[in-house]
Amino acid sequence: MSRLMSITLQSRGVSCVAELLDKEAPRTCEAVWNALPLSGDAQHAKYARNEVYTMVPRFTGEIGLENPTVTPIPGDVVYFSFSGGMLDQRFKEDQGIHELPGVIDLAIFYGRNNLLLNGDVGWVPGNVYATVVEGLDQMAEACHDVWRSGSVGERLLYQRHSG
């Protein structure tokens, strides 16, 4: 039986449902599933284009790459692991993660033409561990509003969905 999770932009009151890709990314799926619920301040990507994400403290050891991509498509739910030195100091201070040795970035991609290329470090592959199976259109509209109207006060919540 498929495992499902809901992804919610809390202030905007919009959710979608994603199916975990247990066959393609078993280590990532297991780590995320066991850590749910997870939430944090929502951010809109600067480089990758159509991405909304949150940073959370590490909840597992290093997983490594599995089902990696640098070109996520609409509906991809992607896991990134960043060491403390990977992120901009001002961003880390703003997010309250400046003293952590590293963080997990949980992202949802809602539109086309994404490219995971950071001008400071190069390619940034992530693990695609889930795909949105319900509510992508509404979530895409809300994610775009995060871009247009801002992310201040918005939280991104990942939790188990009973289906």
C-alpha atoms as a PDB file:
ATOM      1  CA  MET A   1       0.000   0.000   0.000  1.00  0.00           C
ATOM      2  CA  SER A   2       1.268   3.464  -0.898  1.00  0.00           C
ATOM      3  CA  ARG A   3       2.278   5.888   1.826  1.00  0.00           C
ATOM      4  CA  LEU A   4       0.839   9.375   1.463  1.00  0.00           C
ATOM      5  CA  MET A   5       1.673  12.686   3.054  1.00  0.00           C
ATOM      6  CA  SER A   6       0.018  16.059   2.920  1.00  0.00           C
ATOM      7  CA  ILE A   7       1.977  19.220   2.255  1.00  0.00           C
ATOM      8  CA  THR A   8       0.347  22.404   3.493  1.00  0.00           C
ATOM      9  CA  LEU A   9       0.968  26.125   3.215  1.00  0.00           C
ATOM     10  CA  GLN A  10      -0.619  26.864   6.567  1.00  0.00           C
ATOM     11  CA  SER A  11      -1.405  30.600   6.339  1.00  0.00           C
ATOM     12  CA  ARG A  12      -2.833  30.214   2.855  1.00  0.00           C
ATOM     13  CA  GLY A  13      -4.840  27.134   3.911  1.00  0.00           C
ATOM     14  CA  VAL A  14      -3.826  25.125   0.841  1.00  0.00           C
ATOM     15  CA  SER A  15      -2.728  21.474   0.835  1.00  0.00           C
ATOM     16  CA  CYS A  16      -1.800  18.791  -1.627  1.00  0.00           C
ATOM     17  CA  VAL A  17      -1.240  15.055  -1.258  1.00  0.00           C
ATOM     18  CA  ALA A  18       1.998  13.370  -2.274  1.00  0.00           C
ATOM     19  CA  GLU A  19       2.761   9.679  -2.675  1.00  0.00           C
ATOM     20  CA  LEU A  20       6.104   8.486  -1.341  1.00  0.00           C
ATOM     21  CA  LEU A  21       8.330   6.811  -3.937  1.00  0.00           C
ATOM     22  CA  ASP A  22       9.407   3.904  -1.735  1.00  0.00           C
ATOM     23  CA  LYS A  23      10.867   1.850  -4.605  1.00  0.00           C
ATOM     24  CA  GLU A  24      12.898   4.696  -6.075  1.00  0.00           C
ATOM     25  CA  ALA A  25      14.112   6.345  -2.835  1.00  0.00           C
ATOM     26  CA  PRO A  26      13.648   3.879   0.039  1.00  0.00           C
ATOM     27  CA  ARG A  27      16.185   5.419   2.468  1.00  0.00           C
ATOM     28  CA  THR A  28      14.887   8.937   1.963  1.00  0.00           C
ATOM     29  CA  CYS A  29      11.242   7.878   2.238  1.00  0.00           C
ATOM     30  CA  GLU A  30      11.868   5.957   5.440  1.00  0.00           C
ATOM     31  CA  ALA A  31      13.793   8.809   7.067  1.00  0.00           C
ATOM     32  CA  VAL A  32      11.188  11.439   6.177  1.00  0.00           C
ATOM     33  CA  TRP A  33       8.224   9.212   7.093  1.00  0.00           C
ATOM     34  CA  ASN A  34       9.682   8.441  10.512  1.00  0.00           C
ATOM     35  CA  ALA A  35      10.327  12.150  11.168  1.00  0.00           C
ATOM     36  CA  LEU A  36       6.835  13.420  10.203  1.00  0.00           C
ATOM     37  CA  PRO A  37       5.294  15.832  11.011  1.00  0.00           C
ATOM     38  CA  LEU A  38       7.885  18.392   9.925  1.00  0.00           C
ATOM     39  CA  SER A  39       7.386  22.102   9.453  1.00  0.00           C
ATOM     40  CA  GLY A  40       9.203  25.366   9.190  1.00  0.00           C
ATOM     41  CA  ASP A  41       9.134  28.808   7.664  1.00  0.00           C
ATOM     42  CA  ALA A  42       8.258  28.665   3.978  1.00  0.00           C
ATOM     43  CA  GLN A  43      10.716  30.161   1.505  1.00  0.00           C
ATOM     44  CA  HIS A  44      10.514  30.598  -2.245  1.00  0.00           C
ATOM     45  CA  ALA A  45      13.596  29.597  -4.252  1.00  0.00           C
ATOM     46  CA  LYS A  46      15.906  32.227  -5.688  1.00  0.00           C
ATOM     47  CA  TYR A  47      17.800  30.024  -8.146  1.00  0.00           C
ATOM     48  CA  ALA A  48      15.675  26.971  -8.923  1.00  0.00           C
ATOM     49  CA  ARG A  49      12.591  28.906 -10.098  1.00  0.00           C
ATOM     50  CA  ASN A  50       9.315  27.180  -9.147  1.00  0.00           C
ATOM     51  CA  GLU A  51      10.144  25.815  -5.703  1.00  0.00           C
ATOM     52  CA  VAL A  52       8.850  26.404  -2.197  1.00  0.00           C
ATOM     53  CA  TYR A  53      10.812  24.843   0.632  1.00  0.00           C
ATOM     54  CA  THR A  54      11.511  24.807   4.331  1.00  0.00           C
ATOM     55  CA  MET A  55      14.672  24.081   6.293  1.00  0.00           C
ATOM     56  CA  VAL A  56      14.454  21.770   9.296  1.00  0.00           C
ATOM     57  CA  PRO A  57      17.090  20.456  11.708  1.00  0.00           C
ATOM     58  CA  ARG A  58      18.676  17.182  10.670  1.00  0.00           C
ATOM     59  CA  PHE A  59      16.553  14.233  11.688  1.00  0.00           C
ATOM     60  CA  THR A  60      18.682  11.444  10.229  1.00  0.00           C
ATOM     61  CA  GLY A  61      22.218  10.563   9.344  1.00  0.00           C
ATOM     62  CA  GLU A  62      23.554  11.170   5.846  1.00  0.00           C
ATOM     63  CA  ILE A  63      21.378   9.349   3.301  1.00  0.00           C
ATOM     64  CA  GLY A  64      23.388  10.025   0.168  1.00  0.00           C
ATOM     65  CA  LEU A  65      21.932  10.351  -3.295  1.00  0.00           C
ATOM     66  CA  GLU A  66      19.062   8.170  -4.443  1.00  0.00           C
ATOM     67  CA  ASN A  67      16.657   8.970  -7.246  1.00  0.00           C
ATOM     68  CA  PRO A  68      18.605  12.221  -7.737  1.00  0.00           C
ATOM     69  CA  THR A  69      17.718  15.096 -10.009  1.00  0.00           C
ATOM     70  CA  VAL A  70      18.962  18.542 -10.974  1.00  0.00           C
ATOM     71  CA  THR A  71      15.896  19.150 -13.180  1.00  0.00           C
ATOM     72  CA  PRO A  72      12.810  18.584 -11.003  1.00  0.00           C
ATOM     73  CA  ILE A  73       9.404  18.629 -12.658  1.00  0.00           C
ATOM     74  CA  PRO A  74       6.047  19.923 -11.369  1.00  0.00           C
ATOM     75  CA  GLY A  75       4.870  17.772  -8.484  1.00  0.00           C
ATOM     76  CA  ASP A  76       8.332  16.535  -7.456  1.00  0.00           C
ATOM     77  CA  VAL A  77       8.952  16.551  -3.709  1.00  0.00           C
ATOM     78  CA  VAL A  78      12.688  16.711  -3.077  1.00  0.00           C
ATOM     79  CA  TYR A  79      15.027  16.180  -0.113  1.00  0.00           C
ATOM     80  CA  PHE A  80      18.338  18.015   0.214  1.00  0.00           C
ATOM     81  CA  SER A  81      20.959  17.738   2.940  1.00  0.00           C
ATOM     82  CA  PHE A  82      23.152  20.796   3.455  1.00  0.00           C
ATOM     83  CA  SER A  83      26.192  21.097   5.672  1.00  0.00           C
ATOM     84  CA  GLY A  84      26.472  24.219   7.806  1.00  0.00           C
ATOM     85  CA  GLY A  85      28.980  25.786   5.429  1.00  0.00           C
ATOM     86  CA  MET A  86      26.772  25.377   2.367  1.00  0.00           C
ATOM     87  CA  LEU A  87      24.290  28.140   3.179  1.00  0.00           C
ATOM     88  CA  ASP A  88      24.662  31.911   3.279  1.00  0.00           C
ATOM     89  CA  GLN A  89      25.362  33.207   6.809  1.00  0.00           C
ATOM     90  CA  ARG A  90      22.662  35.888   6.701  1.00  0.00           C
ATOM     91  CA  PHE A  91      20.079  33.347   5.508  1.00  0.00           C
ATOM     92  CA  LYS A  92      21.066  30.961   8.321  1.00  0.00           C
ATOM     93  CA  GLU A  93      20.714  33.734  10.905  1.00  0.00           C
ATOM     94  CA  ASP A  94      17.331  34.778   9.483  1.00  0.00           C
ATOM     95  CA  GLN A  95      16.102  31.190   9.689  1.00  0.00           C
ATOM     96  CA  GLY A  96      17.525  30.589  13.172  1.00  0.00           C
ATOM     97  CA  ILE A  97      19.701  27.733  11.919  1.00  0.00           C
ATOM     98  CA  HIS A  98      23.109  29.443  12.084  1.00  0.00           C
ATOM     99  CA  GLU A  99      24.367  27.278  14.938  1.00  0.00           C
ATOM    100  CA  LEU A 100      23.306  23.947  13.426  1.00  0.00           C
ATOM    101  CA  PRO A 101      25.970  21.728  11.819  1.00  0.00           C
ATOM    102  CA  GLY A 102      23.626  21.194   8.873  1.00  0.00           C
ATOM    103  CA  VAL A 103      19.988  21.161   7.837  1.00  0.00           C
ATOM    104  CA  ILE A 104      17.497  19.270   5.743  1.00  0.00           C
ATOM    105  CA  ASP A 105      15.718  21.165   2.978  1.00  0.00           C
ATOM    106  CA  LEU A 106      12.280  19.795   2.075  1.00  0.00           C
ATOM    107  CA  ALA A 107      11.035  21.224  -1.216  1.00  0.00           C
ATOM    108  CA  ILE A 108       8.026  21.036  -3.470  1.00  0.00           C
ATOM    109  CA  PHE A 109       8.332  21.977  -7.137  1.00  0.00           C
ATOM    110  CA  TYR A 110       5.185  23.411  -8.643  1.00  0.00           C
ATOM    111  CA  GLY A 111       6.088  24.505 -12.163  1.00  0.00           C
ATOM    112  CA  ARG A 112       8.287  23.686 -15.141  1.00  0.00           C
ATOM    113  CA  ASN A 113      11.814  24.659 -16.166  1.00  0.00           C
ATOM    114  CA  ASN A 114      13.584  24.200 -12.841  1.00  0.00           C
ATOM    115  CA  LEU A 115      17.349  23.872 -12.686  1.00  0.00           C
ATOM    116  CA  LEU A 116      19.208  23.076  -9.485  1.00  0.00           C
ATOM    117  CA  LEU A 117      22.284  25.177 -10.171  1.00  0.00           C
ATOM    118  CA  ASN A 118      23.688  27.490  -7.517  1.00  0.00           C
ATOM    119  CA  GLY A 119      26.115  30.138  -8.708  1.00  0.00           C
ATOM    120  CA  ASP A 120      28.285  29.734  -5.602  1.00  0.00           C
ATOM    121  CA  VAL A 121      28.674  25.957  -5.553  1.00  0.00           C
ATOM    122  CA  GLY A 122      27.457  24.532  -8.866  1.00  0.00           C
ATOM    123  CA  TRP A 123      25.004  21.665  -9.293  1.00  0.00           C
ATOM    124  CA  VAL A 124      22.840  20.847  -6.274  1.00  0.00           C
ATOM    125  CA  PRO A 125      21.266  17.404  -6.786  1.00  0.00           C
ATOM    126  CA  GLY A 126      18.371  16.409  -4.574  1.00  0.00           C
ATOM    127  CA  ASN A 127      16.527  13.163  -3.879  1.00  0.00           C
ATOM    128  CA  VAL A 128      13.051  12.951  -5.419  1.00  0.00           C
ATOM    129  CA  TYR A 129      11.207  10.957  -2.762  1.00  0.00           C
ATOM    130  CA  ALA A 130       7.559  11.764  -3.462  1.00  0.00           C
ATOM    131  CA  THR A 131       5.255  13.033  -6.176  1.00  0.00           C
ATOM    132  CA  VAL A 132       2.111  15.114  -5.800  1.00  0.00           C
ATOM    133  CA  VAL A 133      -0.928  13.037  -6.745  1.00  0.00           C
ATOM    134  CA  GLU A 134      -3.720  15.389  -5.660  1.00  0.00           C
ATOM    135  CA  GLY A 135      -4.106  19.161  -5.469  1.00  0.00           C
ATOM    136  CA  LEU A 136      -1.087  20.305  -7.497  1.00  0.00           C
ATOM    137  CA  ASP A 137      -3.018  23.041  -9.335  1.00  0.00           C
ATOM    138  CA  GLN A 138      -4.200  24.703  -6.123  1.00  0.00           C
ATOM    139  CA  MET A 139      -0.800  24.269  -4.484  1.00  0.00           C
ATOM    140  CA  ALA A 140       0.937  25.768  -7.541  1.00  0.00           C
ATOM    141  CA  GLU A 141      -1.283  28.828  -7.322  1.00  0.00           C
ATOM    142  CA  ALA A 142      -0.533  29.225  -3.610  1.00  0.00           C
ATOM    143  CA  CYS A 143       3.204  28.671  -4.169  1.00  0.00           C
ATOM    144  CA  HIS A 144       3.230  31.319  -6.862  1.00  0.00           C
ATOM    145  CA  ASP A 145       1.524  33.650  -4.379  1.00  0.00           C
ATOM    146  CA  VAL A 146       4.434  33.012  -1.990  1.00  0.00           C
ATOM    147  CA  TRP A 147       6.654  34.373  -4.777  1.00  0.00           C
ATOM    148  CA  ARG A 148       4.433  37.376  -5.580  1.00  0.00           C
ATOM    149  CA  SER A 149       3.145  38.315  -2.121  1.00  0.00           C
ATOM    150  CA  GLY A 150       5.971  37.055   0.071  1.00  0.00           C
ATOM    151  CA  SER A 151       6.684  34.268   2.488  1.00  0.00           C
ATOM    152  CA  VAL A 152       6.667  36.219   5.766  1.00  0.00           C
ATOM    153  CA  GLY A 153       4.450  34.418   8.250  1.00  0.00           C
ATOM    154  CA  GLU A 154       3.950  31.374   6.009  1.00  0.00           C
ATOM    155  CA  ARG A 155       4.753  27.876   7.250  1.00  0.00           C
ATOM    156  CA  LEU A 156       5.214  24.732   5.203  1.00  0.00           C
ATOM    157  CA  LEU A 157       3.950  21.582   6.922  1.00  0.00           C
ATOM    158  CA  TYR A 158       4.618  17.976   5.914  1.00  0.00           C
ATOM    159  CA  GLN A 159       2.542  15.325   7.697  1.00  0.00           C
ATOM    160  CA  ARG A 160       1.225  11.814   7.237  1.00  0.00           C
ATOM    161  CA  HIS A 161      -1.970  11.565   5.221  1.00  0.00           C
ATOM    162  CA  SER A 162      -4.358   8.741   6.000  1.00  0.00           C
ATOM    163  CA  GLY A 163      -5.819   8.661   2.476  1.00  0.00           C
END
